Amino acid sequence: AACEERLGTTQARDEYGPLLDHFIEYSLAEKGTHVSEVAKRIKLALAAGRPLHGYKVGPDSRATPIAGLLPIPVADAVMKFSVFGRQGTF
């Protein structure tokens, strides 16, 4: 609504609204890593004499390096399937 007031058009909502709505529904339904697991990693990093440059929390973060090795069309297909539950175009 703020963009519509500022820009005077609903073009962004018309074009991206359904995709954004689907993404929000997906995000709310997706199981995520509990905040306590994140807090444990933060505590570990703060207590370390020489903290690592990054910490993995949850299964998605551990799978990310593998996904980076996939060819782009395969990675795109995996992403589409995981988000939309089917293959094909957005």
PDB file of N, CA and C in Angstrom:
ATOM      1  N   ALA A   1       0.827  -1.189   0.000  1.00  0.00           N
ATOM      2  CA  ALA A   1       0.000   0.000   0.000  1.00  0.00           C
ATOM      3  C   ALA A   1       0.869   1.249   0.000  1.00  0.00           C
ATOM      4  N   ALA A   2       1.987   1.206   0.727  1.00  0.00           N
ATOM      5  CA  ALA A   2       2.863   2.371   0.782  1.00  0.00           C
ATOM      6  C   ALA A   2       3.462   2.668  -0.588  1.00  0.00           C
ATOM      7  N   CYS A   3       3.814   1.611  -1.309  1.00  0.00           N
ATOM      8  CA  CYS A   3       4.371   1.802  -2.656  1.00  0.00           C
ATOM      9  C   CYS A   3       3.313   2.377  -3.587  1.00  0.00           C
ATOM     10  N   GLU A   4       2.091   1.897  -3.444  1.00  0.00           N
ATOM     11  CA  GLU A   4       1.009   2.387  -4.298  1.00  0.00           C
ATOM     12  C   GLU A   4       0.783   3.873  -4.049  1.00  0.00           C
ATOM     13  N   GLU A   5       0.803   4.286  -2.779  1.00  0.00           N
ATOM     14  CA  GLU A   5       0.628   5.700  -2.452  1.00  0.00           C
ATOM     15  C   GLU A   5       1.782   6.538  -2.989  1.00  0.00           C
ATOM     16  N   ARG A   6       2.995   6.010  -2.853  1.00  0.00           N
ATOM     17  CA  ARG A   6       4.178   6.761  -3.269  1.00  0.00           C
ATOM     18  C   ARG A   6       4.321   6.805  -4.772  1.00  0.00           C
ATOM     19  N   LEU A   7       4.073   5.670  -5.451  1.00  0.00           N
ATOM     20  CA  LEU A   7       4.285   5.592  -6.892  1.00  0.00           C
ATOM     21  C   LEU A   7       3.017   5.850  -7.702  1.00  0.00           C
ATOM     22  N   GLY A   8       1.879   5.720  -7.058  1.00  0.00           N
ATOM     23  CA  GLY A   8       0.628   5.956  -7.751  1.00  0.00           C
ATOM     24  C   GLY A   8       0.216   4.839  -8.696  1.00  0.00           C
ATOM     25  N   THR A   9       0.761   3.634  -8.499  1.00  0.00           N
ATOM     26  CA  THR A   9       0.422   2.510  -9.365  1.00  0.00           C
ATOM     27  C   THR A   9       0.430   1.217  -8.560  1.00  0.00           C
ATOM     28  N   THR A  10      -0.332   0.244  -9.029  1.00  0.00           N
ATOM     29  CA  THR A  10      -0.357  -1.071  -8.376  1.00  0.00           C
ATOM     30  C   THR A  10       0.431  -2.089  -9.194  1.00  0.00           C
ATOM     31  N   GLN A  11       1.259  -1.633 -10.096  1.00  0.00           N
ATOM     32  CA  GLN A  11       1.989  -2.525 -11.005  1.00  0.00           C
ATOM     33  C   GLN A  11       2.814  -3.565 -10.249  1.00  0.00           C
ATOM     34  N   ALA A  12       3.552  -3.155  -9.219  1.00  0.00           N
ATOM     35  CA  ALA A  12       4.401  -4.093  -8.476  1.00  0.00           C
ATOM     36  C   ALA A  12       3.546  -5.172  -7.815  1.00  0.00           C
ATOM     37  N   ARG A  13       2.444  -4.781  -7.190  1.00  0.00           N
ATOM     38  CA  ARG A  13       1.559  -5.745  -6.537  1.00  0.00           C
ATOM     39  C   ARG A  13       0.916  -6.665  -7.569  1.00  0.00           C
ATOM     40  N   ASP A  14       0.506  -6.107  -8.691  1.00  0.00           N
ATOM     41  CA  ASP A  14      -0.129  -6.899  -9.740  1.00  0.00           C
ATOM     42  C   ASP A  14       0.822  -7.955 -10.296  1.00  0.00           C
ATOM     43  N   GLU A  15       2.088  -7.565 -10.502  1.00  0.00           N
ATOM     44  CA  GLU A  15       3.067  -8.477 -11.111  1.00  0.00           C
ATOM     45  C   GLU A  15       3.655  -9.470 -10.119  1.00  0.00           C
ATOM     46  N   TYR A  16       3.951  -9.023  -8.916  1.00  0.00           N
ATOM     47  CA  TYR A  16       4.682  -9.861  -7.967  1.00  0.00           C
ATOM     48  C   TYR A  16       3.851 -10.337  -6.778  1.00  0.00           C
ATOM     49  N   GLY A  17       2.637  -9.828  -6.638  1.00  0.00           N
ATOM     50  CA  GLY A  17       1.798 -10.169  -5.500  1.00  0.00           C
ATOM     51  C   GLY A  17       1.576 -11.656  -5.305  1.00  0.00           C
ATOM     52  N   PRO A  18       1.114 -12.378  -6.353  1.00  0.00           N
ATOM     53  CA  PRO A  18       0.879 -13.815  -6.166  1.00  0.00           C
ATOM     54  C   PRO A  18       2.140 -14.593  -5.784  1.00  0.00           C
ATOM     55  N   LEU A  19       3.261 -14.249  -6.382  1.00  0.00           N
ATOM     56  CA  LEU A  19       4.517 -14.928  -6.044  1.00  0.00           C
ATOM     57  C   LEU A  19       4.916 -14.622  -4.609  1.00  0.00           C
ATOM     58  N   LEU A  20       4.786 -13.384  -4.200  1.00  0.00           N
ATOM     59  CA  LEU A  20       5.124 -12.991  -2.833  1.00  0.00           C
ATOM     60  C   LEU A  20       4.194 -13.671  -1.833  1.00  0.00           C
ATOM     61  N   ASP A  21       2.903 -13.710  -2.135  1.00  0.00           N
ATOM     62  CA  ASP A  21       1.950 -14.384  -1.249  1.00  0.00           C
ATOM     63  C   ASP A  21       2.302 -15.860  -1.086  1.00  0.00           C
ATOM     64  N   HIS A  22       2.652 -16.506  -2.192  1.00  0.00           N
ATOM     65  CA  HIS A  22       3.025 -17.922  -2.129  1.00  0.00           C
ATOM     66  C   HIS A  22       4.292 -18.108  -1.295  1.00  0.00           C
ATOM     67  N   PHE A  23       5.254 -17.223  -1.469  1.00  0.00           N
ATOM     68  CA  PHE A  23       6.499 -17.318  -0.715  1.00  0.00           C
ATOM     69  C   PHE A  23       6.239 -17.156   0.787  1.00  0.00           C
ATOM     70  N   ILE A  24       5.379 -16.224   1.152  1.00  0.00           N
ATOM     71  CA  ILE A  24       5.069 -16.007   2.572  1.00  0.00           C
ATOM     72  C   ILE A  24       4.381 -17.236   3.155  1.00  0.00           C
ATOM     73  N   GLU A  25       3.426 -17.815   2.423  1.00  0.00           N
ATOM     74  CA  GLU A  25       2.745 -19.027   2.885  1.00  0.00           C
ATOM     75  C   GLU A  25       3.746 -20.171   3.052  1.00  0.00           C
ATOM     76  N   TYR A  26       4.638 -20.312   2.079  1.00  0.00           N
ATOM     77  CA  TYR A  26       5.664 -21.360   2.140  1.00  0.00           C
ATOM     78  C   TYR A  26       6.576 -21.150   3.350  1.00  0.00           C
ATOM     79  N   SER A  27       7.002 -19.916   3.568  1.00  0.00           N
ATOM     80  CA  SER A  27       7.908 -19.624   4.682  1.00  0.00           C
ATOM     81  C   SER A  27       7.265 -19.928   6.025  1.00  0.00           C
ATOM     82  N   LEU A  28       5.989 -19.614   6.157  1.00  0.00           N
ATOM     83  CA  LEU A  28       5.301 -19.876   7.418  1.00  0.00           C
ATOM     84  C   LEU A  28       5.097 -21.369   7.661  1.00  0.00           C
ATOM     85  N   ALA A  29       4.896 -22.126   6.591  1.00  0.00           N
ATOM     86  CA  ALA A  29       4.647 -23.561   6.726  1.00  0.00           C
ATOM     87  C   ALA A  29       5.931 -24.381   6.860  1.00  0.00           C
ATOM     88  N   GLU A  30       7.046 -23.820   6.407  1.00  0.00           N
ATOM     89  CA  GLU A  30       8.319 -24.546   6.392  1.00  0.00           C
ATOM     90  C   GLU A  30       8.865 -24.680   7.804  1.00  0.00           C
ATOM     91  N   LYS A  31       9.330 -25.864   8.108  1.00  0.00           N
ATOM     92  CA  LYS A  31       9.969 -26.072   9.405  1.00  0.00           C
ATOM     93  C   LYS A  31      11.312 -25.371   9.386  1.00  0.00           C
ATOM     94  N   GLY A  32      11.578 -24.616  10.411  1.00  0.00           N
ATOM     95  CA  GLY A  32      12.845 -23.910  10.487  1.00  0.00           C
ATOM     96  C   GLY A  32      13.660 -24.369  11.676  1.00  0.00           C
ATOM     97  N   THR A  33      14.872 -23.894  11.741  1.00  0.00           N
ATOM     98  CA  THR A  33      15.736 -24.205  12.867  1.00  0.00           C
ATOM     99  C   THR A  33      15.276 -23.377  14.062  1.00  0.00           C
ATOM    100  N   HIS A  34      15.116 -24.036  15.198  1.00  0.00           N
ATOM    101  CA  HIS A  34      14.654 -23.345  16.398  1.00  0.00           C
ATOM    102  C   HIS A  34      15.688 -22.321  16.840  1.00  0.00           C
ATOM    103  N   VAL A  35      15.199 -21.215  17.347  1.00  0.00           N
ATOM    104  CA  VAL A  35      16.082 -20.123  17.757  1.00  0.00           C
ATOM    105  C   VAL A  35      17.082 -20.558  18.824  1.00  0.00           C
ATOM    106  N   SER A  36      16.749 -21.553  19.621  1.00  0.00           N
ATOM    107  CA  SER A  36      17.682 -22.014  20.651  1.00  0.00           C
ATOM    108  C   SER A  36      18.940 -22.615  20.023  1.00  0.00           C
ATOM    109  N   GLU A  37      18.799 -23.242  18.852  1.00  0.00           N
ATOM    110  CA  GLU A  37      19.970 -23.787  18.159  1.00  0.00           C
ATOM    111  C   GLU A  37      20.880 -22.660  17.668  1.00  0.00           C
ATOM    112  N   VAL A  38      20.281 -21.594  17.203  1.00  0.00           N
ATOM    113  CA  VAL A  38      21.055 -20.426  16.771  1.00  0.00           C
ATOM    114  C   VAL A  38      21.778 -19.826  17.969  1.00  0.00           C
ATOM    115  N   ALA A  39      21.074 -19.716  19.094  1.00  0.00           N
ATOM    116  CA  ALA A  39      21.673 -19.155  20.308  1.00  0.00           C
ATOM    117  C   ALA A  39      22.866 -19.990  20.779  1.00  0.00           C
ATOM    118  N   LYS A  40      22.761 -21.318  20.654  1.00  0.00           N
ATOM    119  CA  LYS A  40      23.881 -22.191  21.039  1.00  0.00           C
ATOM    120  C   LYS A  40      25.115 -21.894  20.201  1.00  0.00           C
ATOM    121  N   ARG A  41      24.916 -21.688  18.906  1.00  0.00           N
ATOM    122  CA  ARG A  41      26.057 -21.392  18.029  1.00  0.00           C
ATOM    123  C   ARG A  41      26.650 -20.020  18.335  1.00  0.00           C
ATOM    124  N   ILE A  42      25.799 -19.058  18.653  1.00  0.00           N
ATOM    125  CA  ILE A  42      26.295 -17.722  19.006  1.00  0.00           C
ATOM    126  C   ILE A  42      27.122 -17.808  20.286  1.00  0.00           C
ATOM    127  N   LYS A  43      26.616 -18.553  21.256  1.00  0.00           N
ATOM    128  CA  LYS A  43      27.348 -18.730  22.525  1.00  0.00           C
ATOM    129  C   LYS A  43      28.701 -19.385  22.268  1.00  0.00           C
ATOM    130  N   LEU A  44      28.718 -20.379  21.403  1.00  0.00           N
ATOM    131  CA  LEU A  44      29.965 -21.057  21.046  1.00  0.00           C
ATOM    132  C   LEU A  44      30.954 -20.083  20.401  1.00  0.00           C
ATOM    133  N   ALA A  45      30.454 -19.249  19.509  1.00  0.00           N
ATOM    134  CA  ALA A  45      31.329 -18.287  18.827  1.00  0.00           C
ATOM    135  C   ALA A  45      31.869 -17.242  19.799  1.00  0.00           C
ATOM    136  N   LEU A  46      31.027 -16.782  20.702  1.00  0.00           N
ATOM    137  CA  LEU A  46      31.467 -15.767  21.663  1.00  0.00           C
ATOM    138  C   LEU A  46      32.475 -16.316  22.660  1.00  0.00           C
ATOM    139  N   ALA A  47      32.371 -17.593  22.972  1.00  0.00           N
ATOM    140  CA  ALA A  47      33.278 -18.207  23.940  1.00  0.00           C
ATOM    141  C   ALA A  47      34.601 -18.647  23.309  1.00  0.00           C
ATOM    142  N   ALA A  48      34.647 -18.726  21.997  1.00  0.00           N
ATOM    143  CA  ALA A  48      35.846 -19.227  21.315  1.00  0.00           C
ATOM    144  C   ALA A  48      36.966 -18.188  21.361  1.00  0.00           C
ATOM    145  N   GLY A  49      38.171 -18.669  21.610  1.00  0.00           N
ATOM    146  CA  GLY A  49      39.328 -17.779  21.563  1.00  0.00           C
ATOM    147  C   GLY A  49      39.578 -17.267  20.147  1.00  0.00           C
ATOM    148  N   ARG A  50      39.395 -18.156  19.195  1.00  0.00           N
ATOM    149  CA  ARG A  50      39.517 -17.795  17.775  1.00  0.00           C
ATOM    150  C   ARG A  50      38.275 -18.318  17.048  1.00  0.00           C
ATOM    151  N   PRO A  51      37.212 -17.513  16.993  1.00  0.00           N
ATOM    152  CA  PRO A  51      35.981 -17.984  16.370  1.00  0.00           C
ATOM    153  C   PRO A  51      36.154 -18.257  14.884  1.00  0.00           C
ATOM    154  N   LEU A  52      35.363 -19.171  14.384  1.00  0.00           N
ATOM    155  CA  LEU A  52      35.365 -19.479  12.956  1.00  0.00           C
ATOM    156  C   LEU A  52      34.752 -18.314  12.173  1.00  0.00           C
ATOM    157  N   HIS A  53      34.980 -18.296  10.879  1.00  0.00           N
ATOM    158  CA  HIS A  53      34.401 -17.222  10.070  1.00  0.00           C
ATOM    159  C   HIS A  53      32.909 -17.423   9.844  1.00  0.00           C
ATOM    160  N   GLY A  54      32.410 -18.621  10.089  1.00  0.00           N
ATOM    161  CA  GLY A  54      30.983 -18.880   9.936  1.00  0.00           C
ATOM    162  C   GLY A  54      30.594 -20.156  10.661  1.00  0.00           C
ATOM    163  N   TYR A  55      29.339 -20.238  11.041  1.00  0.00           N
ATOM    164  CA  TYR A  55      28.831 -21.407  11.744  1.00  0.00           C
ATOM    165  C   TYR A  55      27.576 -21.901  11.035  1.00  0.00           C
ATOM    166  N   LYS A  56      27.478 -23.197  10.848  1.00  0.00           N
ATOM    167  CA  LYS A  56      26.314 -23.810  10.215  1.00  0.00           C
ATOM    168  C   LYS A  56      25.285 -24.142  11.293  1.00  0.00           C
ATOM    169  N   VAL A  57      24.042 -23.756  11.038  1.00  0.00           N
ATOM    170  CA  VAL A  57      22.956 -24.051  11.964  1.00  0.00           C
ATOM    171  C   VAL A  57      21.799 -24.617  11.155  1.00  0.00           C
ATOM    172  N   GLY A  58      21.434 -25.848  11.426  1.00  0.00           N
ATOM    173  CA  GLY A  58      20.299 -26.460  10.751  1.00  0.00           C
ATOM    174  C   GLY A  58      20.687 -27.204   9.489  1.00  0.00           C
ATOM    175  N   PRO A  59      19.793 -28.095   9.044  1.00  0.00           N
ATOM    176  CA  PRO A  59      20.096 -28.931   7.882  1.00  0.00           C
ATOM    177  C   PRO A  59      20.237 -28.156   6.575  1.00  0.00           C
ATOM    178  N   ASP A  60      19.479 -27.075   6.410  1.00  0.00           N
ATOM    179  CA  ASP A  60      19.579 -26.307   5.165  1.00  0.00           C
ATOM    180  C   ASP A  60      20.963 -25.698   4.988  1.00  0.00           C
ATOM    181  N   SER A  61      21.524 -25.188   6.068  1.00  0.00           N
ATOM    182  CA  SER A  61      22.834 -24.550   5.955  1.00  0.00           C
ATOM    183  C   SER A  61      23.929 -25.572   5.685  1.00  0.00           C
ATOM    184  N   ARG A  62      23.718 -26.789   6.150  1.00  0.00           N
ATOM    185  CA  ARG A  62      24.712 -27.836   5.903  1.00  0.00           C
ATOM    186  C   ARG A  62      24.640 -28.337   4.463  1.00  0.00           C
ATOM    187  N   ALA A  63      23.478 -28.230   3.837  1.00  0.00           N
ATOM    188  CA  ALA A  63      23.303 -28.700   2.460  1.00  0.00           C
ATOM    189  C   ALA A  63      23.718 -27.649   1.437  1.00  0.00           C
ATOM    190  N   THR A  64      23.869 -26.418   1.848  1.00  0.00           N
ATOM    191  CA  THR A  64      24.172 -25.328   0.923  1.00  0.00           C
ATOM    192  C   THR A  64      25.443 -25.556   0.107  1.00  0.00           C
ATOM    193  N   PRO A  65      26.554 -26.012   0.700  1.00  0.00           N
ATOM    194  CA  PRO A  65      27.753 -26.231  -0.123  1.00  0.00           C
ATOM    195  C   PRO A  65      27.527 -27.260  -1.229  1.00  0.00           C
ATOM    196  N   ILE A  66      26.716 -28.261  -0.967  1.00  0.00           N
ATOM    197  CA  ILE A  66      26.427 -29.274  -1.985  1.00  0.00           C
ATOM    198  C   ILE A  66      25.627 -28.656  -3.117  1.00  0.00           C
ATOM    199  N   ALA A  67      24.648 -27.830  -2.763  1.00  0.00           N
ATOM    200  CA  ALA A  67      23.821 -27.182  -3.788  1.00  0.00           C
ATOM    201  C   ALA A  67      24.669 -26.272  -4.680  1.00  0.00           C
ATOM    202  N   GLY A  68      25.710 -25.684  -4.127  1.00  0.00           N
ATOM    203  CA  GLY A  68      26.579 -24.818  -4.913  1.00  0.00           C
ATOM    204  C   GLY A  68      27.384 -25.554  -5.960  1.00  0.00           C
ATOM    205  N   LEU A  69      27.519 -26.859  -5.823  1.00  0.00           N
ATOM    206  CA  LEU A  69      28.262 -27.658  -6.792  1.00  0.00           C
ATOM    207  C   LEU A  69      27.409 -28.101  -7.975  1.00  0.00           C
ATOM    208  N   LEU A  70      26.089 -27.988  -7.830  1.00  0.00           N
ATOM    209  CA  LEU A  70      25.190 -28.430  -8.895  1.00  0.00           C
ATOM    210  C   LEU A  70      25.207 -27.464 -10.072  1.00  0.00           C
ATOM    211  N   PRO A  71      24.994 -27.975 -11.285  1.00  0.00           N
ATOM    212  CA  PRO A  71      24.830 -27.065 -12.424  1.00  0.00           C
ATOM    213  C   PRO A  71      23.602 -26.174 -12.183  1.00  0.00           C
ATOM    214  N   ILE A  72      23.630 -24.966 -12.673  1.00  0.00           N
ATOM    215  CA  ILE A  72      22.571 -23.997 -12.405  1.00  0.00           C
ATOM    216  C   ILE A  72      21.177 -24.521 -12.780  1.00  0.00           C
ATOM    217  N   PRO A  73      20.986 -25.144 -13.955  1.00  0.00           N
ATOM    218  CA  PRO A  73      19.637 -25.642 -14.262  1.00  0.00           C
ATOM    219  C   PRO A  73      19.152 -26.693 -13.262  1.00  0.00           C
ATOM    220  N   VAL A  74      20.049 -27.524 -12.765  1.00  0.00           N
ATOM    221  CA  VAL A  74      19.664 -28.539 -11.779  1.00  0.00           C
ATOM    222  C   VAL A  74      19.320 -27.867 -10.446  1.00  0.00           C
ATOM    223  N   ALA A  75      20.143 -26.916 -10.025  1.00  0.00           N
ATOM    224  CA  ALA A  75      19.873 -26.193  -8.780  1.00  0.00           C
ATOM    225  C   ALA A  75      18.542 -25.453  -8.868  1.00  0.00           C
ATOM    226  N   ASP A  76      18.254 -24.843 -10.005  1.00  0.00           N
ATOM    227  CA  ASP A  76      16.974 -24.155 -10.196  1.00  0.00           C
ATOM    228  C   ASP A  76      15.810 -25.129 -10.099  1.00  0.00           C
ATOM    229  N   ALA A  77      15.954 -26.299 -10.707  1.00  0.00           N
ATOM    230  CA  ALA A  77      14.887 -27.304 -10.666  1.00  0.00           C
ATOM    231  C   ALA A  77      14.647 -27.780  -9.240  1.00  0.00           C
ATOM    232  N   VAL A  78      15.719 -27.993  -8.484  1.00  0.00           N
ATOM    233  CA  VAL A  78      15.590 -28.416  -7.086  1.00  0.00           C
ATOM    234  C   VAL A  78      14.878 -27.333  -6.283  1.00  0.00           C
ATOM    235  N   MET A  79      15.255 -26.089  -6.491  1.00  0.00           N
ATOM    236  CA  MET A  79      14.633 -24.977  -5.768  1.00  0.00           C
ATOM    237  C   MET A  79      13.147 -24.876  -6.102  1.00  0.00           C
ATOM    238  N   LYS A  80      12.819 -24.939  -7.381  1.00  0.00           N
ATOM    239  CA  LYS A  80      11.412 -24.854  -7.785  1.00  0.00           C
ATOM    240  C   LYS A  80      10.609 -25.992  -7.179  1.00  0.00           C
ATOM    241  N   PHE A  81      11.178 -27.188  -7.200  1.00  0.00           N
ATOM    242  CA  PHE A  81      10.458 -28.336  -6.651  1.00  0.00           C
ATOM    243  C   PHE A  81      10.266 -28.191  -5.153  1.00  0.00           C
ATOM    244  N   SER A  82      11.306 -27.716  -4.448  1.00  0.00           N
ATOM    245  CA  SER A  82      11.186 -27.588  -2.987  1.00  0.00           C
ATOM    246  C   SER A  82      10.211 -26.491  -2.588  1.00  0.00           C
ATOM    247  N   VAL A  83      10.098 -25.439  -3.387  1.00  0.00           N
ATOM    248  CA  VAL A  83       9.195 -24.340  -3.061  1.00  0.00           C
ATOM    249  C   VAL A  83       7.774 -24.626  -3.528  1.00  0.00           C
ATOM    250  N   PHE A  84       7.638 -25.069  -4.792  1.00  0.00           N
ATOM    251  CA  PHE A  84       6.318 -25.217  -5.386  1.00  0.00           C
ATOM    252  C   PHE A  84       5.798 -26.643  -5.410  1.00  0.00           C
ATOM    253  N   GLY A  85       6.652 -27.618  -5.080  1.00  0.00           N
ATOM    254  CA  GLY A  85       6.224 -29.014  -5.061  1.00  0.00           C
ATOM    255  C   GLY A  85       6.026 -29.602  -6.435  1.00  0.00           C
ATOM    256  N   ARG A  86       6.573 -28.975  -7.440  1.00  0.00           N
ATOM    257  CA  ARG A  86       6.449 -29.473  -8.794  1.00  0.00           C
ATOM    258  C   ARG A  86       7.566 -28.870  -9.646  1.00  0.00           C
ATOM    259  N   GLN A  87       7.775 -29.455 -10.793  1.00  0.00           N
ATOM    260  CA  GLN A  87       8.742 -28.896 -11.716  1.00  0.00           C
ATOM    261  C   GLN A  87       8.000 -28.003 -12.692  1.00  0.00           C
ATOM    262  N   GLY A  88       8.724 -27.195 -13.410  1.00  0.00           N
ATOM    263  CA  GLY A  88       8.094 -26.333 -14.402  1.00  0.00           C
ATOM    264  C   GLY A  88       8.436 -24.886 -14.135  1.00  0.00           C
ATOM    265  N   THR A  89       7.729 -24.005 -14.806  1.00  0.00           N
ATOM    266  CA  THR A  89       8.027 -22.584 -14.675  1.00  0.00           C
ATOM    267  C   THR A  89       7.327 -22.003 -13.462  1.00  0.00           C
ATOM    268  N   PHE A  90       7.770 -20.819 -13.076  1.00  0.00           N
ATOM    269  CA  PHE A  90       7.181 -20.136 -11.909  1.00  0.00           C
ATOM    270  C   PHE A  90       5.812 -19.722 -12.243  1.00  0.00           C
TER     271      PHE A  90
END
